[in-house]
Amino acid sequence: MAGSGEAMSEPTMAVTIPEPMAVRGISQETHDLATAFRADLEQAMPQLLAVLPKGVKAEAMASMALTCALDNPALLKCEPLSLVRATLKMATLGLRPGETCDIVPTKKGKRDLAECWIRVRGIVDLAVRAKAIQYAKTVP
């Protein structure tokens, strides 16, 4: 309440990662890495909240990033900071993994890094939002 001297708490996120036995084909190692990634996302929540476009929920974005990582466990072996950065880039641009962007594991020398790669549909969405174009017709 205003004036009561109580500070408002920062919004928090609770993302549930399923137990390894609840998801087919997930190993204990993958579960542990996913749990560590969730903790990294929780630490990065202030930055995530700061960059999200209107109407996009931080929990939904974090859930999408976690789903990407569980779908492609090679992402969980990437440097943790690079995975968080890829998530922040995706969030900043308001892109959706699997639709308008992908989070992809890459190698830079001996380093395993995660990167956010924008799909053609993502580029078109960004151009429409920026009013650089009115529409685009895709050809099969």
C-alpha atoms as a PDB file:
ATOM      1  CA  MET A   1       0.000   0.000   0.000  1.00  0.00           C
ATOM      2  CA  ALA A   2       1.223   3.473  -0.801  1.00  0.00           C
ATOM      3  CA  GLY A   3       2.482   5.374   2.189  1.00  0.00           C
ATOM      4  CA  SER A   4       2.552   2.358   4.497  1.00  0.00           C
ATOM      5  CA  GLY A   5       6.325   2.102   4.240  1.00  0.00           C
ATOM      6  CA  GLU A   6       6.215  -1.356   2.696  1.00  0.00           C
ATOM      7  CA  ALA A   7       8.315  -1.809  -0.401  1.00  0.00           C
ATOM      8  CA  MET A   8       6.679  -3.582  -3.283  1.00  0.00           C
ATOM      9  CA  SER A   9       8.461  -6.795  -4.147  1.00  0.00           C
ATOM     10  CA  GLU A  10       9.821  -7.493  -7.620  1.00  0.00           C
ATOM     11  CA  PRO A  11       7.695  -9.856  -9.689  1.00  0.00           C
ATOM     12  CA  THR A  12       9.030 -13.382  -9.500  1.00  0.00           C
ATOM     13  CA  MET A  13       8.803 -16.351 -11.772  1.00  0.00           C
ATOM     14  CA  ALA A  14       8.101 -19.966 -10.955  1.00  0.00           C
ATOM     15  CA  VAL A  15       8.794 -22.259 -13.857  1.00  0.00           C
ATOM     16  CA  THR A  16       8.283 -25.941 -13.332  1.00  0.00           C
ATOM     17  CA  ILE A  17      10.679 -28.366 -14.926  1.00  0.00           C
ATOM     18  CA  PRO A  18       9.200 -31.860 -15.024  1.00  0.00           C
ATOM     19  CA  GLU A  19      10.889 -34.683 -13.182  1.00  0.00           C
ATOM     20  CA  PRO A  20      13.083 -36.833 -15.465  1.00  0.00           C
ATOM     21  CA  MET A  21      10.681 -39.737 -15.237  1.00  0.00           C
ATOM     22  CA  ALA A  22       7.736 -37.537 -16.287  1.00  0.00           C
ATOM     23  CA  VAL A  23       9.297 -36.711 -19.661  1.00  0.00           C
ATOM     24  CA  ARG A  24      10.236 -39.574 -21.929  1.00  0.00           C
ATOM     25  CA  GLY A  25      13.870 -39.779 -22.871  1.00  0.00           C
ATOM     26  CA  ILE A  26      15.172 -37.157 -20.431  1.00  0.00           C
ATOM     27  CA  SER A  27      18.229 -38.199 -18.458  1.00  0.00           C
ATOM     28  CA  GLN A  28      19.153 -37.167 -14.943  1.00  0.00           C
ATOM     29  CA  GLU A  29      22.024 -35.099 -16.412  1.00  0.00           C
ATOM     30  CA  THR A  30      19.607 -33.241 -18.700  1.00  0.00           C
ATOM     31  CA  HIS A  31      17.249 -32.657 -15.783  1.00  0.00           C
ATOM     32  CA  ASP A  32      20.091 -31.269 -13.659  1.00  0.00           C
ATOM     33  CA  LEU A  33      21.269 -28.977 -16.474  1.00  0.00           C
ATOM     34  CA  ALA A  34      17.679 -27.798 -17.062  1.00  0.00           C
ATOM     35  CA  THR A  35      17.316 -27.072 -13.352  1.00  0.00           C
ATOM     36  CA  ALA A  36      20.516 -25.007 -13.466  1.00  0.00           C
ATOM     37  CA  PHE A  37      19.198 -23.136 -16.532  1.00  0.00           C
ATOM     38  CA  ARG A  38      15.966 -22.395 -14.678  1.00  0.00           C
ATOM     39  CA  ALA A  39      18.002 -20.922 -11.817  1.00  0.00           C
ATOM     40  CA  ASP A  40      19.956 -18.805 -14.329  1.00  0.00           C
ATOM     41  CA  LEU A  41      16.673 -17.550 -15.815  1.00  0.00           C
ATOM     42  CA  GLU A  42      15.369 -16.682 -12.363  1.00  0.00           C
ATOM     43  CA  GLN A  43      18.527 -14.637 -11.713  1.00  0.00           C
ATOM     44  CA  ALA A  44      18.088 -12.884 -15.072  1.00  0.00           C
ATOM     45  CA  MET A  45      14.408 -12.160 -14.420  1.00  0.00           C
ATOM     46  CA  PRO A  46      14.924  -8.408 -13.778  1.00  0.00           C
ATOM     47  CA  GLN A  47      16.595  -8.038 -17.195  1.00  0.00           C
ATOM     48  CA  LEU A  48      13.951 -10.225 -18.832  1.00  0.00           C
ATOM     49  CA  LEU A  49      11.131  -8.151 -17.337  1.00  0.00           C
ATOM     50  CA  ALA A  50      12.845  -4.959 -18.493  1.00  0.00           C
ATOM     51  CA  VAL A  51      13.085  -5.997 -22.153  1.00  0.00           C
ATOM     52  CA  LEU A  52       9.817  -7.839 -22.749  1.00  0.00           C
ATOM     53  CA  PRO A  53       7.384  -6.208 -25.170  1.00  0.00           C
ATOM     54  CA  LYS A  54       3.899  -5.340 -23.879  1.00  0.00           C
ATOM     55  CA  GLY A  55       1.613  -8.326 -23.617  1.00  0.00           C
ATOM     56  CA  VAL A  56       4.414 -10.906 -23.354  1.00  0.00           C
ATOM     57  CA  LYS A  57       4.686 -12.615 -19.992  1.00  0.00           C
ATOM     58  CA  ALA A  58       8.111 -13.360 -18.537  1.00  0.00           C
ATOM     59  CA  GLU A  59       7.016 -16.787 -17.342  1.00  0.00           C
ATOM     60  CA  ALA A  60       5.816 -17.709 -20.832  1.00  0.00           C
ATOM     61  CA  MET A  61       9.100 -16.581 -22.400  1.00  0.00           C
ATOM     62  CA  ALA A  62      11.143 -18.488 -19.816  1.00  0.00           C
ATOM     63  CA  SER A  63       8.967 -21.554 -20.355  1.00  0.00           C
ATOM     64  CA  MET A  64       9.552 -21.371 -24.120  1.00  0.00           C
ATOM     65  CA  ALA A  65      13.310 -21.144 -23.570  1.00  0.00           C
ATOM     66  CA  LEU A  66      13.236 -24.116 -21.192  1.00  0.00           C
ATOM     67  CA  THR A  67      11.167 -26.127 -23.664  1.00  0.00           C
ATOM     68  CA  CYS A  68      13.723 -25.373 -26.410  1.00  0.00           C
ATOM     69  CA  ALA A  69      16.487 -26.574 -24.128  1.00  0.00           C
ATOM     70  CA  LEU A  70      14.639 -29.766 -23.216  1.00  0.00           C
ATOM     71  CA  ASP A  71      13.850 -30.412 -26.887  1.00  0.00           C
ATOM     72  CA  ASN A  72      17.533 -29.948 -27.781  1.00  0.00           C
ATOM     73  CA  PRO A  73      19.688 -30.986 -24.788  1.00  0.00           C
ATOM     74  CA  ALA A  74      22.825 -29.815 -26.644  1.00  0.00           C
ATOM     75  CA  LEU A  75      21.673 -26.300 -25.677  1.00  0.00           C
ATOM     76  CA  LEU A  76      22.022 -27.181 -22.003  1.00  0.00           C
ATOM     77  CA  LYS A  77      25.702 -27.973 -22.568  1.00  0.00           C
ATOM     78  CA  CYS A  78      26.317 -24.463 -23.920  1.00  0.00           C
ATOM     79  CA  GLU A  79      27.806 -21.763 -21.726  1.00  0.00           C
ATOM     80  CA  PRO A  80      24.993 -20.752 -19.349  1.00  0.00           C
ATOM     81  CA  LEU A  81      25.420 -17.024 -19.989  1.00  0.00           C
ATOM     82  CA  SER A  82      25.075 -17.536 -23.746  1.00  0.00           C
ATOM     83  CA  LEU A  83      21.805 -19.423 -23.211  1.00  0.00           C
ATOM     84  CA  VAL A  84      20.451 -16.603 -21.053  1.00  0.00           C
ATOM     85  CA  ARG A  85      21.627 -14.028 -23.655  1.00  0.00           C
ATOM     86  CA  ALA A  86      19.862 -15.933 -26.445  1.00  0.00           C
ATOM     87  CA  THR A  87      16.679 -15.937 -24.325  1.00  0.00           C
ATOM     88  CA  LEU A  88      17.012 -12.189 -23.667  1.00  0.00           C
ATOM     89  CA  LYS A  89      17.474 -11.502 -27.403  1.00  0.00           C
ATOM     90  CA  MET A  90      14.394 -13.586 -28.213  1.00  0.00           C
ATOM     91  CA  ALA A  91      12.428 -11.732 -25.518  1.00  0.00           C
ATOM     92  CA  THR A  92      13.661  -8.282 -26.549  1.00  0.00           C
ATOM     93  CA  LEU A  93      12.515  -8.851 -30.113  1.00  0.00           C
ATOM     94  CA  GLY A  94       9.245 -10.503 -29.049  1.00  0.00           C
ATOM     95  CA  LEU A  95      10.049 -13.624 -31.064  1.00  0.00           C
ATOM     96  CA  ARG A  96       8.760 -17.144 -30.451  1.00  0.00           C
ATOM     97  CA  PRO A  97      11.125 -20.108 -30.686  1.00  0.00           C
ATOM     98  CA  GLY A  98      10.117 -22.641 -33.296  1.00  0.00           C
ATOM     99  CA  GLU A  99       7.998 -20.052 -35.121  1.00  0.00           C
ATOM    100  CA  THR A 100       9.905 -16.823 -35.627  1.00  0.00           C
ATOM    101  CA  CYS A 101      13.315 -17.769 -34.220  1.00  0.00           C
ATOM    102  CA  ASP A 102      15.398 -20.681 -33.011  1.00  0.00           C
ATOM    103  CA  ILE A 103      17.834 -21.054 -30.151  1.00  0.00           C
ATOM    104  CA  VAL A 104      20.737 -22.935 -31.690  1.00  0.00           C
ATOM    105  CA  PRO A 105      23.847 -24.511 -30.154  1.00  0.00           C
ATOM    106  CA  THR A 106      27.019 -23.318 -31.915  1.00  0.00           C
ATOM    107  CA  LYS A 107      30.761 -23.817 -31.537  1.00  0.00           C
ATOM    108  CA  LYS A 108      33.189 -20.902 -31.375  1.00  0.00           C
ATOM    109  CA  GLY A 109      36.615 -22.484 -31.080  1.00  0.00           C
ATOM    110  CA  LYS A 110      36.453 -24.655 -27.977  1.00  0.00           C
ATOM    111  CA  ARG A 111      33.410 -22.818 -26.614  1.00  0.00           C
ATOM    112  CA  ASP A 112      29.859 -24.150 -26.872  1.00  0.00           C
ATOM    113  CA  LEU A 113      27.502 -21.195 -27.205  1.00  0.00           C
ATOM    114  CA  ALA A 114      23.761 -20.765 -27.663  1.00  0.00           C
ATOM    115  CA  GLU A 115      22.553 -18.179 -30.180  1.00  0.00           C
ATOM    116  CA  CYS A 116      19.168 -16.809 -31.172  1.00  0.00           C
ATOM    117  CA  TRP A 117      18.748 -17.161 -34.926  1.00  0.00           C
ATOM    118  CA  ILE A 118      15.894 -15.226 -36.502  1.00  0.00           C
ATOM    119  CA  ARG A 119      13.802 -17.059 -39.107  1.00  0.00           C
ATOM    120  CA  VAL A 120      12.463 -15.380 -42.242  1.00  0.00           C
ATOM    121  CA  ARG A 121       9.030 -15.211 -40.633  1.00  0.00           C
ATOM    122  CA  GLY A 122      10.630 -13.400 -37.673  1.00  0.00           C
ATOM    123  CA  ILE A 123      12.255 -10.851 -39.973  1.00  0.00           C
ATOM    124  CA  VAL A 124       8.902 -10.259 -41.664  1.00  0.00           C
ATOM    125  CA  ASP A 125       7.147  -9.899 -38.274  1.00  0.00           C
ATOM    126  CA  LEU A 126       9.761  -7.393 -37.114  1.00  0.00           C
ATOM    127  CA  ALA A 127       9.459  -5.404 -40.369  1.00  0.00           C
ATOM    128  CA  VAL A 128       5.654  -5.293 -40.082  1.00  0.00           C
ATOM    129  CA  ARG A 129       5.858  -4.192 -36.421  1.00  0.00           C
ATOM    130  CA  ALA A 130       8.340  -1.465 -37.377  1.00  0.00           C
ATOM    131  CA  LYS A 131       5.938  -0.388 -40.137  1.00  0.00           C
ATOM    132  CA  ALA A 132       8.729  -0.848 -42.666  1.00  0.00           C
ATOM    133  CA  ILE A 133       6.311  -2.994 -44.685  1.00  0.00           C
ATOM    134  CA  GLN A 134       2.548  -3.490 -44.559  1.00  0.00           C
ATOM    135  CA  TYR A 135       2.459  -7.199 -45.314  1.00  0.00           C
ATOM    136  CA  ALA A 136       4.423  -9.968 -46.917  1.00  0.00           C
ATOM    137  CA  LYS A 137       3.201 -12.918 -48.906  1.00  0.00           C
ATOM    138  CA  THR A 138       5.037 -16.144 -48.365  1.00  0.00           C
ATOM    139  CA  VAL A 139       5.477 -18.620 -51.172  1.00  0.00           C
ATOM    140  CA  PRO A 140       5.534 -22.351 -50.428  1.00  0.00           C
END
